[in-house]
């Protein structure tokens, strides 16, 4: 693959978790699809659970680039793949959320 970045618009860009290792070894940056495409699910989840205003939805969506930067920096700093870091961060966020927003 000659790409410098994989940032797909569809779900599950990686067939397996270890594909992130292959991309990293090839010097290809992987932007986890569920992070870069999170805006729609953020909006739907807030609406479904009646948890938050339109302003809060917009603020959450506008936080996506910073979250992605955090993933990239943490992966570089810890010498880990971006998919590993993103998955870990997602699990951490879910563990902190009230049950009503996780269900």
N, C-alpha and C. Protein backbone atom coordinates (compact mmCIF):
# COMPACT_ATOMS: atom_id res chain seq x y z
N UNK A 1 0.85 -1.16 0.00
CA UNK A 1 0.00 0.00 0.00
C UNK A 1 0.90 1.23 0.00
N UNK A 2 0.55 2.20 -0.81
CA UNK A 2 1.37 3.40 -0.91
C UNK A 2 0.75 4.60 -0.20
N UNK A 3 -0.31 4.39 0.51
CA UNK A 3 -0.95 5.48 1.23
C UNK A 3 -0.12 5.88 2.44
N UNK A 4 -0.24 7.13 2.82
CA UNK A 4 0.43 7.60 4.05
C UNK A 4 -0.52 7.55 5.23
N UNK A 5 -1.84 7.58 4.92
CA UNK A 5 -2.86 7.58 5.97
C UNK A 5 -4.01 6.69 5.52
N UNK A 6 -4.56 5.93 6.46
CA UNK A 6 -5.80 5.20 6.23
C UNK A 6 -6.83 5.84 7.15
N UNK A 7 -7.84 6.46 6.55
CA UNK A 7 -8.89 7.16 7.28
C UNK A 7 -10.19 6.90 6.56
N UNK A 8 -10.71 5.72 6.69
CA UNK A 8 -11.88 5.30 5.93
C UNK A 8 -13.19 5.84 6.46
N UNK A 9 -14.12 5.93 5.56
CA UNK A 9 -15.45 6.43 5.91
C UNK A 9 -16.40 5.31 6.32
N UNK A 10 -16.02 4.08 6.12
CA UNK A 10 -16.88 2.95 6.48
C UNK A 10 -16.36 2.31 7.76
N UNK A 11 -17.17 1.44 8.32
CA UNK A 11 -16.80 0.75 9.55
C UNK A 11 -15.77 -0.35 9.28
N UNK A 12 -14.98 -0.60 10.30
CA UNK A 12 -14.06 -1.74 10.32
C UNK A 12 -13.06 -1.73 9.17
N UNK A 13 -12.26 -0.70 9.11
CA UNK A 13 -11.23 -0.61 8.09
C UNK A 13 -10.19 -1.71 8.23
N UNK A 14 -9.97 -2.15 9.46
CA UNK A 14 -9.02 -3.22 9.70
C UNK A 14 -9.77 -4.53 9.82
N UNK A 15 -9.34 -5.52 9.08
CA UNK A 15 -9.99 -6.84 9.15
C UNK A 15 -9.71 -7.48 10.51
N UNK A 16 -8.51 -7.23 11.04
CA UNK A 16 -8.11 -7.79 12.33
C UNK A 16 -7.29 -6.73 13.06
N UNK A 17 -7.25 -6.83 14.37
CA UNK A 17 -6.49 -5.86 15.16
C UNK A 17 -5.03 -5.79 14.77
N UNK A 18 -4.45 -6.93 14.40
CA UNK A 18 -3.03 -6.93 14.05
C UNK A 18 -2.75 -6.19 12.74
N UNK A 19 -3.77 -5.89 11.98
CA UNK A 19 -3.56 -5.09 10.77
C UNK A 19 -3.02 -3.71 11.12
N UNK A 20 -3.36 -3.23 12.31
CA UNK A 20 -2.80 -1.97 12.78
C UNK A 20 -1.30 -2.04 12.92
N UNK A 21 -0.79 -3.21 13.34
CA UNK A 21 0.66 -3.40 13.45
C UNK A 21 1.32 -3.31 12.08
N UNK A 22 0.69 -3.93 11.08
CA UNK A 22 1.25 -3.91 9.72
C UNK A 22 1.27 -2.49 9.18
N UNK A 23 0.21 -1.72 9.42
CA UNK A 23 0.19 -0.33 8.96
C UNK A 23 1.28 0.48 9.66
N UNK A 24 1.39 0.30 10.97
CA UNK A 24 2.40 1.03 11.73
C UNK A 24 3.80 0.69 11.22
N UNK A 25 4.07 -0.60 11.00
CA UNK A 25 5.38 -1.04 10.51
C UNK A 25 5.70 -0.45 9.14
N UNK A 26 4.66 -0.21 8.34
CA UNK A 26 4.84 0.36 7.01
C UNK A 26 4.89 1.89 7.03
N UNK A 27 4.76 2.47 8.23
CA UNK A 27 4.79 3.93 8.34
C UNK A 27 3.51 4.59 7.90
N UNK A 28 2.41 3.84 7.94
CA UNK A 28 1.10 4.37 7.53
C UNK A 28 0.29 4.70 8.77
N UNK A 29 -0.19 5.92 8.84
CA UNK A 29 -1.00 6.37 9.97
C UNK A 29 -2.43 5.88 9.80
N UNK A 30 -2.95 5.24 10.82
CA UNK A 30 -4.34 4.77 10.79
C UNK A 30 -5.18 5.64 11.70
N UNK A 31 -6.21 6.25 11.14
CA UNK A 31 -7.18 7.03 11.91
C UNK A 31 -8.39 6.12 12.14
N UNK A 32 -8.59 5.63 13.36
CA UNK A 32 -9.68 4.69 13.60
C UNK A 32 -11.03 5.24 13.13
N UNK A 33 -11.70 4.45 12.31
CA UNK A 33 -12.93 4.91 11.67
C UNK A 33 -14.01 5.28 12.67
N UNK A 34 -14.10 4.55 13.77
CA UNK A 34 -15.16 4.88 14.72
C UNK A 34 -14.88 6.16 15.49
N UNK A 35 -13.66 6.66 15.41
CA UNK A 35 -13.35 7.96 16.02
C UNK A 35 -13.67 9.07 15.02
N UNK A 36 -13.14 8.95 13.81
CA UNK A 36 -13.32 10.04 12.84
C UNK A 36 -14.75 10.16 12.34
N UNK A 37 -15.52 9.10 12.47
CA UNK A 37 -16.92 9.11 12.01
C UNK A 37 -17.91 9.11 13.17
N UNK A 38 -17.50 9.56 14.33
CA UNK A 38 -18.33 9.45 15.53
C UNK A 38 -19.46 10.47 15.60
N UNK A 39 -19.44 11.48 14.78
CA UNK A 39 -20.44 12.54 14.88
C UNK A 39 -21.88 12.06 14.81
N UNK A 40 -22.16 11.18 13.89
CA UNK A 40 -23.53 10.68 13.74
C UNK A 40 -24.01 9.92 14.95
N UNK A 41 -23.17 9.03 15.47
CA UNK A 41 -23.60 8.23 16.61
C UNK A 41 -23.69 9.08 17.88
N UNK A 42 -22.83 10.09 17.98
CA UNK A 42 -22.94 11.01 19.12
C UNK A 42 -24.31 11.68 19.10
N UNK A 43 -24.69 12.18 17.95
CA UNK A 43 -25.98 12.86 17.82
C UNK A 43 -27.14 11.92 18.10
N UNK A 44 -27.11 10.74 17.51
CA UNK A 44 -28.20 9.78 17.70
C UNK A 44 -28.30 9.32 19.15
N UNK A 45 -27.16 9.04 19.78
CA UNK A 45 -27.17 8.58 21.17
C UNK A 45 -27.72 9.64 22.10
N UNK A 46 -27.31 10.87 21.90
CA UNK A 46 -27.82 11.96 22.75
C UNK A 46 -29.33 12.13 22.55
N UNK A 47 -29.77 12.05 21.32
CA UNK A 47 -31.20 12.19 21.03
C UNK A 47 -31.99 11.02 21.63
N UNK A 48 -31.52 9.82 21.41
CA UNK A 48 -32.21 8.62 21.89
C UNK A 48 -32.34 8.62 23.41
N UNK A 49 -31.27 9.01 24.08
CA UNK A 49 -31.27 9.00 25.54
C UNK A 49 -31.75 10.32 26.14
N UNK A 50 -32.10 11.25 25.27
CA UNK A 50 -32.52 12.58 25.72
C UNK A 50 -31.51 13.14 26.73
N UNK A 51 -30.25 13.05 26.35
CA UNK A 51 -29.17 13.43 27.26
C UNK A 51 -28.31 14.51 26.61
N UNK A 52 -28.70 15.74 26.78
CA UNK A 52 -27.88 16.81 26.26
C UNK A 52 -28.59 17.64 25.22
N UNK A 53 -28.14 18.85 25.13
CA UNK A 53 -28.72 19.81 24.20
C UNK A 53 -28.01 19.73 22.85
N UNK A 54 -28.56 20.46 21.90
CA UNK A 54 -27.91 20.55 20.60
C UNK A 54 -26.50 21.14 20.75
N UNK A 55 -26.38 22.12 21.64
CA UNK A 55 -25.06 22.72 21.88
C UNK A 55 -24.07 21.68 22.41
N UNK A 56 -24.54 20.77 23.26
CA UNK A 56 -23.66 19.73 23.80
C UNK A 56 -23.25 18.75 22.70
N UNK A 57 -24.18 18.41 21.83
CA UNK A 57 -23.87 17.53 20.70
C UNK A 57 -22.81 18.17 19.82
N UNK A 58 -22.98 19.44 19.52
CA UNK A 58 -22.01 20.15 18.69
C UNK A 58 -20.65 20.18 19.38
N UNK A 59 -20.62 20.45 20.67
CA UNK A 59 -19.36 20.48 21.41
C UNK A 59 -18.68 19.12 21.39
N UNK A 60 -19.46 18.05 21.56
CA UNK A 60 -18.89 16.70 21.52
C UNK A 60 -18.31 16.38 20.15
N UNK A 61 -19.02 16.79 19.11
CA UNK A 61 -18.54 16.53 17.75
C UNK A 61 -17.27 17.36 17.47
N UNK A 62 -17.26 18.59 17.94
CA UNK A 62 -16.08 19.43 17.73
C UNK A 62 -14.86 18.94 18.51
N UNK A 63 -15.06 18.06 19.48
CA UNK A 63 -13.95 17.49 20.26
C UNK A 63 -13.28 16.32 19.54
N UNK A 64 -13.87 15.85 18.44
CA UNK A 64 -13.31 14.69 17.73
C UNK A 64 -11.87 14.94 17.26
N UNK A 65 -11.55 16.06 16.64
CA UNK A 65 -10.15 16.26 16.20
C UNK A 65 -9.15 16.21 17.36
N UNK A 66 -9.49 16.79 18.48
CA UNK A 66 -8.58 16.76 19.65
C UNK A 66 -8.42 15.33 20.15
N UNK A 67 -9.49 14.58 20.16
CA UNK A 67 -9.42 13.18 20.59
C UNK A 67 -8.54 12.37 19.64
N UNK A 68 -8.68 12.63 18.37
CA UNK A 68 -7.86 11.94 17.38
C UNK A 68 -6.38 12.30 17.56
N UNK A 69 -6.09 13.57 17.80
CA UNK A 69 -4.72 14.00 18.07
C UNK A 69 -4.18 13.30 19.31
N UNK A 70 -5.00 13.20 20.34
CA UNK A 70 -4.58 12.50 21.55
C UNK A 70 -4.24 11.03 21.26
N UNK A 71 -5.04 10.39 20.43
CA UNK A 71 -4.77 9.00 20.04
C UNK A 71 -3.43 8.91 19.32
N UNK A 72 -3.21 9.78 18.35
CA UNK A 72 -1.95 9.76 17.59
C UNK A 72 -0.75 9.99 18.50
N UNK A 73 -0.85 10.99 19.37
CA UNK A 73 0.27 11.31 20.25
C UNK A 73 0.54 10.20 21.26
N UNK A 74 -0.52 9.66 21.83
CA UNK A 74 -0.35 8.58 22.81
C UNK A 74 0.24 7.34 22.15
N UNK A 75 -0.22 7.02 20.95
CA UNK A 75 0.32 5.86 20.22
C UNK A 75 1.81 6.06 19.94
N UNK A 76 2.18 7.25 19.51
CA UNK A 76 3.59 7.54 19.23
C UNK A 76 4.41 7.45 20.51
N UNK A 77 3.94 8.09 21.56
CA UNK A 77 4.65 8.14 22.84
C UNK A 77 4.84 6.75 23.44
N UNK A 78 3.80 5.90 23.33
CA UNK A 78 3.83 4.57 23.94
C UNK A 78 4.28 3.49 22.96
N UNK A 79 4.61 3.89 21.73
CA UNK A 79 5.00 2.96 20.67
C UNK A 79 3.97 1.84 20.52
N UNK A 80 2.72 2.27 20.37
CA UNK A 80 1.60 1.35 20.19
C UNK A 80 0.86 1.75 18.93
N UNK A 81 -0.02 0.88 18.47
CA UNK A 81 -0.81 1.22 17.29
C UNK A 81 -1.96 2.14 17.69
N UNK A 82 -2.40 2.92 16.71
CA UNK A 82 -3.51 3.83 16.98
C UNK A 82 -4.80 3.08 17.28
N UNK A 83 -4.99 1.91 16.66
CA UNK A 83 -6.22 1.16 16.96
C UNK A 83 -6.19 0.61 18.38
N UNK A 84 -5.03 0.21 18.87
CA UNK A 84 -4.94 -0.27 20.26
C UNK A 84 -5.26 0.87 21.23
N UNK A 85 -4.68 2.02 20.99
CA UNK A 85 -4.90 3.17 21.86
C UNK A 85 -6.35 3.62 21.81
N UNK A 86 -6.92 3.70 20.62
CA UNK A 86 -8.31 4.13 20.48
C UNK A 86 -9.26 3.15 21.18
N UNK A 87 -9.00 1.86 21.02
CA UNK A 87 -9.85 0.87 21.70
C UNK A 87 -9.76 1.01 23.22
N UNK A 88 -8.54 1.21 23.71
CA UNK A 88 -8.36 1.38 25.15
C UNK A 88 -9.07 2.63 25.65
N UNK A 89 -8.92 3.73 24.91
CA UNK A 89 -9.59 4.97 25.31
C UNK A 89 -11.11 4.80 25.29
N UNK A 90 -11.63 4.08 24.32
CA UNK A 90 -13.08 3.84 24.26
C UNK A 90 -13.54 3.05 25.48
N UNK A 91 -12.79 2.01 25.83
CA UNK A 91 -13.15 1.22 27.02
C UNK A 91 -13.10 2.08 28.28
N UNK A 92 -12.10 2.94 28.39
CA UNK A 92 -11.99 3.84 29.54
C UNK A 92 -13.18 4.79 29.61
N UNK A 93 -13.56 5.35 28.48
CA UNK A 93 -14.71 6.28 28.45
C UNK A 93 -16.01 5.57 28.81
N UNK A 94 -16.19 4.37 28.30
CA UNK A 94 -17.40 3.61 28.61
C UNK A 94 -17.47 3.26 30.09
N UNK A 95 -16.35 2.97 30.69
CA UNK A 95 -16.32 2.63 32.11
C UNK A 95 -16.71 3.82 32.99
N UNK A 96 -16.46 5.04 32.50
CA UNK A 96 -16.79 6.25 33.26
C UNK A 96 -18.21 6.74 33.04
N UNK A 97 -18.90 6.26 32.01
CA UNK A 97 -20.22 6.76 31.65
C UNK A 97 -21.31 6.18 32.55
N UNK A 98 -22.33 6.98 32.82
CA UNK A 98 -23.50 6.44 33.52
C UNK A 98 -24.13 5.35 32.66
N UNK A 99 -24.72 4.38 33.27
CA UNK A 99 -25.32 3.25 32.57
C UNK A 99 -26.32 3.66 31.49
N UNK A 100 -27.09 4.69 31.71
CA UNK A 100 -28.12 5.11 30.75
C UNK A 100 -27.54 5.46 29.40
N UNK A 101 -26.30 5.97 29.37
CA UNK A 101 -25.70 6.33 28.09
C UNK A 101 -24.91 5.19 27.46
N UNK A 102 -24.71 4.11 28.20
CA UNK A 102 -23.95 2.98 27.68
C UNK A 102 -24.86 1.91 27.12
N UNK A 103 -26.03 1.80 27.61
CA UNK A 103 -26.95 0.72 27.22
C UNK A 103 -27.24 0.70 25.75
